[in-house]
Amino acid sequence: MVTGTDLRTAALALPQTEEKPHFERTSFRVSAPKGKIFATMPADAATANLMLTPETQTLLCAAEPAIFAPVPNKWGEKGATIMQLSACDPLTLRSALKMAWQNAAPTKLHALLDEAD
């Protein structure tokens, strides 16, 4: 089981990530160049939404249906995925956040993720 604090720590450990409010949620963004969101978390920190590709979403939802589910709207069709933190372990959390970060980050920043490991 992971918590909202675990998610915050793992997200902010990713290269060039910043935390900002986004409506009623906390967002985690790749700061350069456009501040693109890769994850959000509501105030209750029971779940997180990850911005994945539709293909990655399909794989994660099939592999770990207790943890991952598509967001039930048009965003979900584009890859937005709900992650149940109470069902998630630290390794799965970090792996899923990295996938979402890579989806949001410009290709030229991807090497920074390899350096961070």
N, C-alpha and C. Protein backbone atom coordinates (compact mmCIF):
# COMPACT_ATOMS: atom_id res chain seq x y z
N MET A 1 0.84 -1.18 0.00
CA MET A 1 0.00 0.00 0.00
C MET A 1 0.88 1.24 0.00
N VAL A 2 0.51 2.21 -0.83
CA VAL A 2 1.21 3.49 -0.83
C VAL A 2 0.22 4.59 -0.46
N THR A 3 0.76 5.71 -0.08
CA THR A 3 -0.04 6.85 0.35
C THR A 3 0.15 8.03 -0.60
N GLY A 4 -0.63 9.07 -0.37
CA GLY A 4 -0.45 10.30 -1.13
C GLY A 4 0.92 10.90 -0.92
N THR A 5 1.46 10.76 0.27
CA THR A 5 2.82 11.25 0.55
C THR A 5 3.84 10.48 -0.27
N ASP A 6 3.64 9.16 -0.39
CA ASP A 6 4.54 8.35 -1.22
C ASP A 6 4.48 8.80 -2.68
N LEU A 7 3.26 9.05 -3.15
CA LEU A 7 3.10 9.50 -4.54
C LEU A 7 3.79 10.84 -4.74
N ARG A 8 3.58 11.76 -3.83
CA ARG A 8 4.22 13.09 -3.94
C ARG A 8 5.74 12.95 -3.99
N THR A 9 6.29 12.16 -3.08
CA THR A 9 7.74 11.97 -3.02
C THR A 9 8.28 11.36 -4.31
N ALA A 10 7.60 10.31 -4.80
CA ALA A 10 8.05 9.64 -6.03
C ALA A 10 7.92 10.55 -7.23
N ALA A 11 6.83 11.29 -7.33
CA ALA A 11 6.63 12.19 -8.48
C ALA A 11 7.68 13.30 -8.48
N LEU A 12 7.91 13.90 -7.32
CA LEU A 12 8.86 15.01 -7.27
C LEU A 12 10.31 14.56 -7.43
N ALA A 13 10.56 13.26 -7.30
CA ALA A 13 11.91 12.73 -7.53
C ALA A 13 12.22 12.60 -9.02
N LEU A 14 11.20 12.67 -9.86
CA LEU A 14 11.41 12.59 -11.30
C LEU A 14 11.99 13.91 -11.82
N PRO A 15 12.83 13.85 -12.85
CA PRO A 15 13.51 15.05 -13.33
C PRO A 15 12.55 16.17 -13.75
N GLN A 16 12.94 17.37 -13.40
CA GLN A 16 12.24 18.59 -13.82
C GLN A 16 10.74 18.53 -13.55
N THR A 17 10.38 18.02 -12.38
CA THR A 17 8.97 17.92 -11.99
C THR A 17 8.65 19.01 -10.98
N GLU A 18 7.47 19.58 -11.14
CA GLU A 18 6.99 20.56 -10.18
C GLU A 18 5.55 20.22 -9.79
N GLU A 19 5.18 20.66 -8.60
CA GLU A 19 3.84 20.44 -8.08
C GLU A 19 3.08 21.76 -8.12
N LYS A 20 1.86 21.71 -8.65
CA LYS A 20 1.03 22.91 -8.73
C LYS A 20 -0.43 22.52 -8.53
N PRO A 21 -1.24 23.46 -8.04
CA PRO A 21 -2.68 23.18 -7.96
C PRO A 21 -3.29 23.07 -9.36
N HIS A 22 -4.30 22.24 -9.46
CA HIS A 22 -5.04 22.08 -10.72
C HIS A 22 -6.50 21.85 -10.35
N PHE A 23 -7.29 22.91 -10.39
CA PHE A 23 -8.68 22.87 -9.93
C PHE A 23 -8.71 22.37 -8.49
N GLU A 24 -9.41 21.28 -8.20
CA GLU A 24 -9.53 20.76 -6.84
C GLU A 24 -8.46 19.70 -6.54
N ARG A 25 -7.46 19.61 -7.37
CA ARG A 25 -6.46 18.55 -7.26
C ARG A 25 -5.05 19.14 -7.19
N THR A 26 -4.12 18.30 -6.81
CA THR A 26 -2.70 18.61 -6.91
C THR A 26 -2.21 18.00 -8.21
N SER A 27 -1.43 18.75 -8.97
CA SER A 27 -0.89 18.21 -10.21
C SER A 27 0.63 18.13 -10.13
N PHE A 28 1.15 17.18 -10.86
CA PHE A 28 2.60 17.01 -11.01
C PHE A 28 2.88 17.17 -12.49
N ARG A 29 3.83 18.06 -12.80
CA ARG A 29 4.09 18.47 -14.18
C ARG A 29 5.57 18.40 -14.51
N VAL A 30 5.85 18.08 -15.75
CA VAL A 30 7.21 18.24 -16.27
C VAL A 30 7.37 19.73 -16.50
N SER A 31 8.29 20.35 -15.79
CA SER A 31 8.35 21.82 -15.78
C SER A 31 8.79 22.44 -17.10
N ALA A 32 9.55 21.70 -17.90
CA ALA A 32 10.04 22.29 -19.14
C ALA A 32 9.52 21.50 -20.32
N PRO A 33 9.18 22.07 -21.40
CA PRO A 33 9.06 23.50 -21.60
C PRO A 33 7.66 24.05 -21.31
N LYS A 34 6.62 23.20 -21.28
CA LYS A 34 5.26 23.72 -21.19
C LYS A 34 4.54 23.40 -19.89
N GLY A 35 5.16 22.72 -18.95
CA GLY A 35 4.50 22.38 -17.71
C GLY A 35 3.39 21.36 -17.89
N LYS A 36 3.62 20.36 -18.72
CA LYS A 36 2.60 19.38 -19.05
C LYS A 36 2.35 18.43 -17.86
N ILE A 37 1.08 18.23 -17.52
CA ILE A 37 0.69 17.40 -16.40
C ILE A 37 0.88 15.92 -16.74
N PHE A 38 1.48 15.16 -15.79
CA PHE A 38 1.56 13.71 -15.97
C PHE A 38 0.81 12.96 -14.88
N ALA A 39 0.45 13.63 -13.78
CA ALA A 39 -0.32 12.99 -12.72
C ALA A 39 -1.06 14.04 -11.91
N THR A 40 -2.23 13.65 -11.39
CA THR A 40 -2.97 14.51 -10.46
C THR A 40 -3.43 13.66 -9.30
N MET A 41 -3.69 14.34 -8.17
CA MET A 41 -4.14 13.66 -6.97
C MET A 41 -5.19 14.52 -6.27
N PRO A 42 -6.33 13.94 -5.89
CA PRO A 42 -7.34 14.71 -5.17
C PRO A 42 -6.91 14.95 -3.72
N ALA A 43 -7.63 15.81 -3.04
CA ALA A 43 -7.28 16.16 -1.65
C ALA A 43 -7.29 14.94 -0.73
N ASP A 44 -8.19 13.97 -0.97
CA ASP A 44 -8.24 12.80 -0.08
C ASP A 44 -7.09 11.83 -0.31
N ALA A 45 -6.35 11.98 -1.40
CA ALA A 45 -5.16 11.19 -1.73
C ALA A 45 -5.42 9.68 -1.72
N ALA A 46 -6.63 9.28 -2.05
CA ALA A 46 -6.94 7.84 -2.13
C ALA A 46 -6.60 7.27 -3.51
N THR A 47 -6.61 8.15 -4.50
CA THR A 47 -6.32 7.75 -5.88
C THR A 47 -5.40 8.78 -6.50
N ALA A 48 -4.95 8.45 -7.70
CA ALA A 48 -4.24 9.42 -8.54
C ALA A 48 -4.69 9.17 -9.96
N ASN A 49 -4.64 10.19 -10.77
CA ASN A 49 -4.88 10.03 -12.20
C ASN A 49 -3.55 10.19 -12.91
N LEU A 50 -3.22 9.22 -13.76
CA LEU A 50 -1.99 9.25 -14.53
C LEU A 50 -2.34 9.48 -15.99
N MET A 51 -1.56 10.29 -16.66
CA MET A 51 -1.77 10.58 -18.08
C MET A 51 -0.87 9.66 -18.89
N LEU A 52 -1.42 8.52 -19.26
CA LEU A 52 -0.69 7.50 -20.00
C LEU A 52 -1.11 7.51 -21.47
N THR A 53 -0.45 6.73 -22.27
CA THR A 53 -0.94 6.50 -23.64
C THR A 53 -2.08 5.48 -23.53
N PRO A 54 -2.99 5.46 -24.49
CA PRO A 54 -4.05 4.44 -24.47
C PRO A 54 -3.48 3.01 -24.46
N GLU A 55 -2.37 2.80 -25.14
CA GLU A 55 -1.76 1.47 -25.19
C GLU A 55 -1.22 1.06 -23.82
N THR A 56 -0.53 1.98 -23.16
CA THR A 56 0.00 1.70 -21.83
C THR A 56 -1.14 1.49 -20.85
N GLN A 57 -2.17 2.30 -20.96
CA GLN A 57 -3.34 2.15 -20.10
C GLN A 57 -3.93 0.75 -20.24
N THR A 58 -4.10 0.29 -21.46
CA THR A 58 -4.67 -1.03 -21.70
C THR A 58 -3.81 -2.11 -21.05
N LEU A 59 -2.51 -2.03 -21.19
CA LEU A 59 -1.61 -3.02 -20.59
C LEU A 59 -1.70 -3.02 -19.07
N LEU A 60 -1.65 -1.83 -18.45
CA LEU A 60 -1.68 -1.76 -16.99
C LEU A 60 -3.02 -2.22 -16.44
N CYS A 61 -4.11 -1.82 -17.08
CA CYS A 61 -5.44 -2.22 -16.61
C CYS A 61 -5.63 -3.74 -16.71
N ALA A 62 -5.09 -4.35 -17.74
CA ALA A 62 -5.18 -5.80 -17.89
C ALA A 62 -4.30 -6.53 -16.88
N ALA A 63 -3.11 -6.00 -16.62
CA ALA A 63 -2.17 -6.65 -15.72
C ALA A 63 -2.54 -6.48 -14.25
N GLU A 64 -3.06 -5.31 -13.89
CA GLU A 64 -3.34 -4.98 -12.49
C GLU A 64 -4.71 -4.31 -12.36
N PRO A 65 -5.81 -5.04 -12.60
CA PRO A 65 -7.13 -4.41 -12.57
C PRO A 65 -7.56 -3.89 -11.19
N ALA A 66 -6.95 -4.38 -10.13
CA ALA A 66 -7.26 -3.87 -8.80
C ALA A 66 -6.61 -2.50 -8.55
N ILE A 67 -5.62 -2.17 -9.36
CA ILE A 67 -4.89 -0.90 -9.19
C ILE A 67 -5.29 0.12 -10.24
N PHE A 68 -5.40 -0.29 -11.49
CA PHE A 68 -5.59 0.64 -12.60
C PHE A 68 -6.95 0.47 -13.28
N ALA A 69 -7.55 1.61 -13.66
CA ALA A 69 -8.80 1.62 -14.43
C ALA A 69 -8.83 2.90 -15.25
N PRO A 70 -9.42 2.86 -16.43
CA PRO A 70 -9.55 4.09 -17.23
C PRO A 70 -10.44 5.10 -16.50
N VAL A 71 -10.12 6.36 -16.63
CA VAL A 71 -11.03 7.41 -16.16
C VAL A 71 -12.30 7.29 -17.00
N PRO A 72 -13.49 7.28 -16.36
CA PRO A 72 -14.73 7.01 -17.11
C PRO A 72 -15.28 8.22 -17.86
N ASN A 73 -14.51 8.74 -18.78
CA ASN A 73 -14.96 9.84 -19.64
C ASN A 73 -14.06 9.93 -20.86
N LYS A 74 -14.17 11.01 -21.61
CA LYS A 74 -13.35 11.18 -22.82
C LYS A 74 -11.86 11.18 -22.50
N TRP A 75 -11.48 11.70 -21.32
CA TRP A 75 -10.07 11.69 -20.94
C TRP A 75 -9.56 10.26 -20.83
N GLY A 76 -10.41 9.37 -20.30
CA GLY A 76 -10.03 7.97 -20.18
C GLY A 76 -9.74 7.33 -21.52
N GLU A 77 -10.50 7.72 -22.54
CA GLU A 77 -10.26 7.20 -23.88
C GLU A 77 -8.92 7.66 -24.44
N LYS A 78 -8.39 8.74 -23.91
CA LYS A 78 -7.11 9.28 -24.36
C LYS A 78 -5.94 8.78 -23.51
N GLY A 79 -6.23 7.92 -22.50
CA GLY A 79 -5.17 7.35 -21.68
C GLY A 79 -5.18 7.76 -20.22
N ALA A 80 -6.05 8.69 -19.82
CA ALA A 80 -6.11 9.07 -18.41
C ALA A 80 -6.56 7.86 -17.60
N THR A 81 -5.80 7.53 -16.58
CA THR A 81 -5.96 6.28 -15.85
C THR A 81 -6.00 6.54 -14.35
N ILE A 82 -6.99 5.93 -13.67
CA ILE A 82 -7.09 6.02 -12.21
C ILE A 82 -6.19 4.95 -11.60
N MET A 83 -5.43 5.35 -10.59
CA MET A 83 -4.60 4.41 -9.83
C MET A 83 -5.07 4.41 -8.39
N GLN A 84 -5.49 3.25 -7.87
CA GLN A 84 -5.91 3.09 -6.48
C GLN A 84 -4.67 2.96 -5.61
N LEU A 85 -4.38 3.97 -4.80
CA LEU A 85 -3.14 3.94 -4.02
C LEU A 85 -3.14 2.84 -2.98
N SER A 86 -4.28 2.55 -2.38
CA SER A 86 -4.32 1.53 -1.32
C SER A 86 -4.01 0.12 -1.85
N ALA A 87 -4.16 -0.10 -3.14
CA ALA A 87 -3.88 -1.41 -3.74
C ALA A 87 -2.49 -1.47 -4.38
N CYS A 88 -1.79 -0.37 -4.36
CA CYS A 88 -0.53 -0.23 -5.10
C CYS A 88 0.67 -0.45 -4.17
N ASP A 89 1.74 -1.00 -4.72
CA ASP A 89 2.99 -1.14 -3.99
C ASP A 89 3.98 -0.09 -4.50
N PRO A 90 5.05 0.16 -3.75
CA PRO A 90 6.00 1.22 -4.15
C PRO A 90 6.62 1.03 -5.53
N LEU A 91 6.97 -0.19 -5.90
CA LEU A 91 7.59 -0.43 -7.20
C LEU A 91 6.62 -0.13 -8.34
N THR A 92 5.37 -0.56 -8.20
CA THR A 92 4.35 -0.28 -9.22
C THR A 92 4.10 1.22 -9.31
N LEU A 93 4.05 1.90 -8.18
CA LEU A 93 3.86 3.36 -8.16
C LEU A 93 4.96 4.04 -8.96
N ARG A 94 6.21 3.74 -8.64
CA ARG A 94 7.32 4.40 -9.35
C ARG A 94 7.32 4.08 -10.84
N SER A 95 7.05 2.84 -11.18
CA SER A 95 7.03 2.44 -12.59
C SER A 95 5.92 3.18 -13.35
N ALA A 96 4.73 3.23 -12.79
CA ALA A 96 3.61 3.90 -13.46
C ALA A 96 3.86 5.40 -13.58
N LEU A 97 4.42 6.01 -12.54
CA LEU A 97 4.74 7.45 -12.61
C LEU A 97 5.78 7.72 -13.70
N LYS A 98 6.77 6.85 -13.83
CA LYS A 98 7.78 7.03 -14.87
C LYS A 98 7.15 6.96 -16.26
N MET A 99 6.22 6.02 -16.45
CA MET A 99 5.54 5.92 -17.75
C MET A 99 4.75 7.19 -18.04
N ALA A 100 4.06 7.70 -17.04
CA ALA A 100 3.29 8.93 -17.24
C ALA A 100 4.22 10.12 -17.50
N TRP A 101 5.33 10.18 -16.76
CA TRP A 101 6.30 11.27 -16.95
C TRP A 101 6.84 11.23 -18.38
N GLN A 102 7.21 10.04 -18.86
CA GLN A 102 7.74 9.92 -20.22
C GLN A 102 6.72 10.35 -21.26
N ASN A 103 5.46 10.08 -21.00
CA ASN A 103 4.40 10.48 -21.93
C ASN A 103 4.28 12.00 -22.00
N ALA A 104 4.55 12.68 -20.89
CA ALA A 104 4.40 14.14 -20.84
C ALA A 104 5.67 14.89 -21.23
N ALA A 105 6.81 14.29 -20.99
CA ALA A 105 8.09 14.99 -21.19
C ALA A 105 8.50 14.99 -22.66
N PRO A 106 9.13 16.07 -23.10
CA PRO A 106 9.69 16.07 -24.45
C PRO A 106 10.76 14.98 -24.55
N THR A 107 10.90 14.40 -25.72
CA THR A 107 11.84 13.31 -25.94
C THR A 107 13.25 13.68 -25.49
N LYS A 108 13.64 14.91 -25.69
CA LYS A 108 15.01 15.31 -25.33
C LYS A 108 15.27 15.21 -23.82
N LEU A 109 14.21 15.16 -23.00
CA LEU A 109 14.39 15.03 -21.55
C LEU A 109 14.41 13.58 -21.08
N HIS A 110 14.06 12.62 -21.93
CA HIS A 110 13.97 11.23 -21.52
C HIS A 110 15.29 10.69 -20.96
N ALA A 111 16.42 11.17 -21.45
CA ALA A 111 17.71 10.72 -20.94
C ALA A 111 17.88 11.09 -19.47
N LEU A 112 17.24 12.16 -19.02
CA LEU A 112 17.32 12.56 -17.61
C LEU A 112 16.70 11.50 -16.71
N LEU A 113 15.69 10.82 -17.19
CA LEU A 113 15.05 9.77 -16.40
C LEU A 113 16.00 8.61 -16.19
N ASP A 114 16.75 8.26 -17.22
CA ASP A 114 17.75 7.19 -17.10
C ASP A 114 18.84 7.57 -16.11
N GLU A 115 19.24 8.83 -16.11
CA GLU A 115 20.27 9.31 -15.18
C GLU A 115 19.78 9.30 -13.74
N ALA A 116 18.48 9.50 -13.53
CA ALA A 116 17.91 9.56 -12.19
C ALA A 116 17.85 8.18 -11.53
N ASP A 117 17.86 7.11 -12.32
CA ASP A 117 17.75 5.75 -11.77
C ASP A 117 19.01 5.29 -11.13
